[in-house]
């Protein structure tokens, strides 16, 4: 979807997890990869999903 929105009806479920896909520009991909790398190191994890969760929680915490 070019609008950047996600159609939840089209996401695949794998057990208790849900796969999500996003289209990003090449420069955005580099930023995302670096942010995930730093978050993985800070959270001491090998999983991008854990790192993404930490990034989102930090973002939300700074907004309130």
PDB file of N, CA and C in Angstrom:
ATOM      1  N   UNK A   1       0.849  -1.166   0.000  1.00  0.00           N
ATOM      2  CA  UNK A   1       0.000   0.000   0.000  1.00  0.00           C
ATOM      3  C   UNK A   1       0.894   1.228   0.000  1.00  0.00           C
ATOM      4  N   UNK A   2       0.773   2.061  -0.970  1.00  0.00           N
ATOM      5  CA  UNK A   2       1.665   3.202  -1.100  1.00  0.00           C
ATOM      6  C   UNK A   2       1.409   4.285  -0.073  1.00  0.00           C
ATOM      7  N   UNK A   3       0.261   4.281   0.589  1.00  0.00           N
ATOM      8  CA  UNK A   3      -0.052   5.313   1.578  1.00  0.00           C
ATOM      9  C   UNK A   3       0.697   5.110   2.877  1.00  0.00           C
ATOM     10  N   UNK A   4       1.394   3.988   3.033  1.00  0.00           N
ATOM     11  CA  UNK A   4       2.106   3.700   4.266  1.00  0.00           C
ATOM     12  C   UNK A   4       1.213   3.042   5.307  1.00  0.00           C
ATOM     13  N   UNK A   5      -0.059   2.833   4.982  1.00  0.00           N
ATOM     14  CA  UNK A   5      -0.979   2.193   5.915  1.00  0.00           C
ATOM     15  C   UNK A   5      -0.940   0.691   5.726  1.00  0.00           C
ATOM     16  N   UNK A   6      -1.348  -0.011   6.741  1.00  0.00           N
ATOM     17  CA  UNK A   6      -1.297  -1.473   6.741  1.00  0.00           C
ATOM     18  C   UNK A   6      -2.707  -2.036   6.712  1.00  0.00           C
ATOM     19  N   UNK A   7      -2.964  -2.962   5.821  1.00  0.00           N
ATOM     20  CA  UNK A   7      -4.252  -3.639   5.768  1.00  0.00           C
ATOM     21  C   UNK A   7      -4.143  -4.897   6.615  1.00  0.00           C
ATOM     22  N   UNK A   8      -4.690  -4.844   7.828  1.00  0.00           N
ATOM     23  CA  UNK A   8      -4.576  -5.961   8.777  1.00  0.00           C
ATOM     24  C   UNK A   8      -5.200  -7.242   8.231  1.00  0.00           C
ATOM     25  N   UNK A   9      -6.167  -7.125   7.349  1.00  0.00           N
ATOM     26  CA  UNK A   9      -6.814  -8.327   6.823  1.00  0.00           C
ATOM     27  C   UNK A   9      -5.853  -9.149   5.979  1.00  0.00           C
ATOM     28  N   UNK A  10      -4.811  -8.525   5.460  1.00  0.00           N
ATOM     29  CA  UNK A  10      -3.891  -9.225   4.578  1.00  0.00           C
ATOM     30  C   UNK A  10      -2.646  -9.733   5.291  1.00  0.00           C
ATOM     31  N   UNK A  11      -2.534  -9.488   6.596  1.00  0.00           N
ATOM     32  CA  UNK A  11      -1.363  -9.973   7.325  1.00  0.00           C
ATOM     33  C   UNK A  11      -1.525 -11.460   7.626  1.00  0.00           C
ATOM     34  N   UNK A  12      -0.428 -12.187   7.524  1.00  0.00           N
ATOM     35  CA  UNK A  12      -0.457 -13.627   7.746  1.00  0.00           C
ATOM     36  C   UNK A  12      -0.230 -13.918   9.216  1.00  0.00           C
ATOM     37  N   UNK A  13      -0.917 -14.914   9.701  1.00  0.00           N
ATOM     38  CA  UNK A  13      -0.726 -15.357  11.079  1.00  0.00           C
ATOM     39  C   UNK A  13       0.126 -16.608  11.084  1.00  0.00           C
ATOM     40  N   UNK A  14       1.097 -16.633  11.975  1.00  0.00           N
ATOM     41  CA  UNK A  14       1.931 -17.817  12.138  1.00  0.00           C
ATOM     42  C   UNK A  14       1.871 -18.176  13.614  1.00  0.00           C
ATOM     43  N   UNK A  15       1.004 -19.091  13.967  1.00  0.00           N
ATOM     44  CA  UNK A  15       0.805 -19.431  15.373  1.00  0.00           C
ATOM     45  C   UNK A  15       0.233 -18.232  16.103  1.00  0.00           C
ATOM     46  N   UNK A  16       0.913 -17.801  17.138  1.00  0.00           N
ATOM     47  CA  UNK A  16       0.418 -16.661  17.902  1.00  0.00           C
ATOM     48  C   UNK A  16       0.981 -15.349  17.382  1.00  0.00           C
ATOM     49  N   UNK A  17       1.800 -15.392  16.354  1.00  0.00           N
ATOM     50  CA  UNK A  17       2.420 -14.190  15.804  1.00  0.00           C
ATOM     51  C   UNK A  17       1.724 -13.749  14.531  1.00  0.00           C
ATOM     52  N   UNK A  18       1.866 -12.497  14.206  1.00  0.00           N
ATOM     53  CA  UNK A  18       1.306 -11.949  12.977  1.00  0.00           C
ATOM     54  C   UNK A  18       2.431 -11.281  12.198  1.00  0.00           C
ATOM     55  N   UNK A  19       2.577 -11.642  10.939  1.00  0.00           N
ATOM     56  CA  UNK A  19       3.593 -11.040  10.082  1.00  0.00           C
ATOM     57  C   UNK A  19       3.080  -9.714   9.543  1.00  0.00           C
ATOM     58  N   UNK A  20       3.948  -8.704   9.537  1.00  0.00           N
ATOM     59  CA  UNK A  20       3.583  -7.391   8.987  1.00  0.00           C
ATOM     60  C   UNK A  20       4.662  -6.983   8.002  1.00  0.00           C
ATOM     61  N   UNK A  21       4.256  -6.385   6.919  1.00  0.00           N
ATOM     62  CA  UNK A  21       5.190  -5.962   5.885  1.00  0.00           C
ATOM     63  C   UNK A  21       5.009  -4.478   5.622  1.00  0.00           C
ATOM     64  N   UNK A  22       6.124  -3.777   5.434  1.00  0.00           N
ATOM     65  CA  UNK A  22       6.104  -2.348   5.155  1.00  0.00           C
ATOM     66  C   UNK A  22       7.002  -2.068   3.958  1.00  0.00           C
ATOM     67  N   UNK A  23       6.583  -1.137   3.131  1.00  0.00           N
ATOM     68  CA  UNK A  23       7.426  -0.673   2.037  1.00  0.00           C
ATOM     69  C   UNK A  23       8.184   0.554   2.537  1.00  0.00           C
ATOM     70  N   UNK A  24       9.504   0.504   2.449  1.00  0.00           N
ATOM     71  CA  UNK A  24      10.319   1.618   2.905  1.00  0.00           C
ATOM     72  C   UNK A  24      11.318   1.998   1.814  1.00  0.00           C
ATOM     73  N   UNK A  25      11.690   3.263   1.804  1.00  0.00           N
ATOM     74  CA  UNK A  25      12.691   3.757   0.858  1.00  0.00           C
ATOM     75  C   UNK A  25      14.071   3.273   1.307  1.00  0.00           C
ATOM     76  N   UNK A  26      15.028   3.204   0.388  1.00  0.00           N
ATOM     77  CA  UNK A  26      16.372   2.726   0.744  1.00  0.00           C
ATOM     78  C   UNK A  26      17.005   3.493   1.910  1.00  0.00           C
ATOM     79  N   UNK A  27      16.842   4.806   1.954  1.00  0.00           N
ATOM     80  CA  UNK A  27      17.432   5.560   3.056  1.00  0.00           C
ATOM     81  C   UNK A  27      16.716   5.260   4.372  1.00  0.00           C
ATOM     82  N   UNK A  28      15.430   4.984   4.328  1.00  0.00           N
ATOM     83  CA  UNK A  28      14.697   4.605   5.530  1.00  0.00           C
ATOM     84  C   UNK A  28      15.163   3.243   6.030  1.00  0.00           C
ATOM     85  N   UNK A  29      15.443   2.341   5.116  1.00  0.00           N
ATOM     86  CA  UNK A  29      15.881   1.000   5.489  1.00  0.00           C
ATOM     87  C   UNK A  29      17.191   1.055   6.269  1.00  0.00           C
ATOM     88  N   UNK A  30      18.103   1.889   5.851  1.00  0.00           N
ATOM     89  CA  UNK A  30      19.381   2.013   6.566  1.00  0.00           C
ATOM     90  C   UNK A  30      19.164   2.517   7.993  1.00  0.00           C
ATOM     91  N   UNK A  31      18.271   3.482   8.177  1.00  0.00           N
ATOM     92  CA  UNK A  31      17.964   4.010   9.509  1.00  0.00           C
ATOM     93  C   UNK A  31      17.310   2.934  10.364  1.00  0.00           C
ATOM     94  N   UNK A  32      16.368   2.195   9.787  1.00  0.00           N
ATOM     95  CA  UNK A  32      15.674   1.138  10.512  1.00  0.00           C
ATOM     96  C   UNK A  32      16.654   0.054  10.951  1.00  0.00           C
ATOM     97  N   UNK A  33      17.525  -0.360  10.039  1.00  0.00           N
ATOM     98  CA  UNK A  33      18.498  -1.401  10.371  1.00  0.00           C
ATOM     99  C   UNK A  33      19.434  -0.956  11.489  1.00  0.00           C
ATOM    100  N   UNK A  34      19.875   0.301  11.445  1.00  0.00           N
ATOM    101  CA  UNK A  34      20.759   0.810  12.495  1.00  0.00           C
ATOM    102  C   UNK A  34      20.022   0.893  13.831  1.00  0.00           C
ATOM    103  N   UNK A  35      18.778   1.385  13.811  1.00  0.00           N
ATOM    104  CA  UNK A  35      17.996   1.481  15.046  1.00  0.00           C
ATOM    105  C   UNK A  35      17.765   0.103  15.655  1.00  0.00           C
ATOM    106  N   UNK A  36      17.448  -0.888  14.835  1.00  0.00           N
ATOM    107  CA  UNK A  36      17.245  -2.243  15.334  1.00  0.00           C
ATOM    108  C   UNK A  36      18.540  -2.831  15.891  1.00  0.00           C
ATOM    109  N   UNK A  37      19.648  -2.575  15.227  1.00  0.00           N
ATOM    110  CA  UNK A  37      20.942  -3.065  15.712  1.00  0.00           C
ATOM    111  C   UNK A  37      21.252  -2.483  17.085  1.00  0.00           C
ATOM    112  N   UNK A  38      21.092  -1.172  17.233  1.00  0.00           N
ATOM    113  CA  UNK A  38      21.375  -0.524  18.513  1.00  0.00           C
ATOM    114  C   UNK A  38      20.429  -1.016  19.607  1.00  0.00           C
ATOM    115  N   UNK A  39      19.155  -1.185  19.258  1.00  0.00           N
ATOM    116  CA  UNK A  39      18.177  -1.665  20.245  1.00  0.00           C
ATOM    117  C   UNK A  39      18.455  -3.112  20.640  1.00  0.00           C
ATOM    118  N   UNK A  40      18.876  -3.944  19.684  1.00  0.00           N
ATOM    119  CA  UNK A  40      19.231  -5.332  20.019  1.00  0.00           C
ATOM    120  C   UNK A  40      20.393  -5.362  21.004  1.00  0.00           C
ATOM    121  N   UNK A  41      21.385  -4.515  20.758  1.00  0.00           N
ATOM    122  CA  UNK A  41      22.540  -4.448  21.664  1.00  0.00           C
ATOM    123  C   UNK A  41      22.114  -3.960  23.046  1.00  0.00           C
ATOM    124  N   UNK A  42      21.290  -2.919  23.086  1.00  0.00           N
ATOM    125  CA  UNK A  42      20.859  -2.354  24.360  1.00  0.00           C
ATOM    126  C   UNK A  42      19.983  -3.319  25.146  1.00  0.00           C
ATOM    127  N   UNK A  43      19.161  -4.076  24.445  1.00  0.00           N
ATOM    128  CA  UNK A  43      18.247  -5.026  25.103  1.00  0.00           C
ATOM    129  C   UNK A  43      18.880  -6.401  25.289  1.00  0.00           C
ATOM    130  N   UNK A  44      20.085  -6.567  24.778  1.00  0.00           N
ATOM    131  CA  UNK A  44      20.788  -7.848  24.862  1.00  0.00           C
ATOM    132  C   UNK A  44      19.938  -8.982  24.279  1.00  0.00           C
ATOM    133  N   UNK A  45      19.506  -8.784  23.036  1.00  0.00           N
ATOM    134  CA  UNK A  45      18.681  -9.778  22.355  1.00  0.00           C
ATOM    135  C   UNK A  45      19.174  -9.958  20.932  1.00  0.00           C
ATOM    136  N   UNK A  46      18.812 -11.071  20.336  1.00  0.00           N
ATOM    137  CA  UNK A  46      19.116 -11.322  18.927  1.00  0.00           C
ATOM    138  C   UNK A  46      17.893 -11.131  18.044  1.00  0.00           C
ATOM    139  N   UNK A  47      16.763 -10.776  18.646  1.00  0.00           N
ATOM    140  CA  UNK A  47      15.502 -10.738  17.927  1.00  0.00           C
ATOM    141  C   UNK A  47      15.090  -9.303  17.569  1.00  0.00           C
ATOM    142  N   UNK A  48      14.846  -9.085  16.271  1.00  0.00           N
ATOM    143  CA  UNK A  48      14.393  -7.770  15.821  1.00  0.00           C
ATOM    144  C   UNK A  48      13.044  -7.403  16.432  1.00  0.00           C
ATOM    145  N   UNK A  49      12.178  -8.397  16.651  1.00  0.00           N
ATOM    146  CA  UNK A  49      10.856  -8.093  17.203  1.00  0.00           C
ATOM    147  C   UNK A  49      10.964  -7.536  18.620  1.00  0.00           C
ATOM    148  N   UNK A  50      11.902  -8.052  19.403  1.00  0.00           N
ATOM    149  CA  UNK A  50      12.129  -7.539  20.758  1.00  0.00           C
ATOM    150  C   UNK A  50      12.703  -6.132  20.674  1.00  0.00           C
ATOM    151  N   UNK A  51      13.630  -5.921  19.759  1.00  0.00           N
ATOM    152  CA  UNK A  51      14.228  -4.600  19.577  1.00  0.00           C
ATOM    153  C   UNK A  51      13.180  -3.586  19.116  1.00  0.00           C
ATOM    154  N   UNK A  52      12.330  -3.991  18.192  1.00  0.00           N
ATOM    155  CA  UNK A  52      11.279  -3.092  17.715  1.00  0.00           C
ATOM    156  C   UNK A  52      10.318  -2.731  18.835  1.00  0.00           C
ATOM    157  N   UNK A  53       9.975  -3.703  19.657  1.00  0.00           N
ATOM    158  CA  UNK A  53       9.107  -3.456  20.803  1.00  0.00           C
ATOM    159  C   UNK A  53       9.746  -2.421  21.739  1.00  0.00           C
ATOM    160  N   UNK A  54      11.041  -2.560  21.999  1.00  0.00           N
ATOM    161  CA  UNK A  54      11.746  -1.618  22.872  1.00  0.00           C
ATOM    162  C   UNK A  54      11.759  -0.214  22.263  1.00  0.00           C
ATOM    163  N   UNK A  55      11.988  -0.131  20.960  1.00  0.00           N
ATOM    164  CA  UNK A  55      11.980   1.169  20.277  1.00  0.00           C
ATOM    165  C   UNK A  55      10.602   1.814  20.400  1.00  0.00           C
ATOM    166  N   UNK A  56       9.557   1.048  20.179  1.00  0.00           N
ATOM    167  CA  UNK A  56       8.188   1.576  20.255  1.00  0.00           C
ATOM    168  C   UNK A  56       7.840   2.012  21.674  1.00  0.00           C
ATOM    169  N   UNK A  57       8.211   1.202  22.669  1.00  0.00           N
ATOM    170  CA  UNK A  57       7.936   1.571  24.061  1.00  0.00           C
ATOM    171  C   UNK A  57       8.659   2.859  24.439  1.00  0.00           C
ATOM    172  N   UNK A  58       9.895   3.002  23.992  1.00  0.00           N
ATOM    173  CA  UNK A  58      10.656   4.225  24.280  1.00  0.00           C
ATOM    174  C   UNK A  58       9.997   5.435  23.612  1.00  0.00           C
ATOM    175  N   UNK A  59       9.553   5.258  22.374  1.00  0.00           N
ATOM    176  CA  UNK A  59       8.885   6.347  21.667  1.00  0.00           C
ATOM    177  C   UNK A  59       7.620   6.766  22.409  1.00  0.00           C
ATOM    178  N   UNK A  60       6.818   5.798  22.809  1.00  0.00           N
ATOM    179  CA  UNK A  60       5.579   6.094  23.523  1.00  0.00           C
ATOM    180  C   UNK A  60       5.875   6.780  24.853  1.00  0.00           C
ATOM    181  N   UNK A  61       6.885   6.301  25.558  1.00  0.00           N
ATOM    182  CA  UNK A  61       7.233   6.885  26.857  1.00  0.00           C
ATOM    183  C   UNK A  61       7.646   8.347  26.741  1.00  0.00           C
ATOM    184  N   UNK A  62       8.308   8.685  25.647  1.00  0.00           N
ATOM    185  CA  UNK A  62       8.753  10.065  25.479  1.00  0.00           C
ATOM    186  C   UNK A  62       7.639  10.978  25.002  1.00  0.00           C
ATOM    187  N   UNK A  63       6.529  10.425  24.566  1.00  0.00           N
ATOM    188  CA  UNK A  63       5.394  11.214  24.081  1.00  0.00           C
ATOM    189  C   UNK A  63       4.441  11.595  25.216  1.00  0.00           C
ATOM    190  N   UNK A  64       4.484  10.896  26.331  1.00  0.00           N
ATOM    191  CA  UNK A  64       3.548  11.140  27.433  1.00  0.00           C
ATOM    192  C   UNK A  64       4.167  12.025  28.494  1.00  0.00           C
TER     193      UNK A  64
END
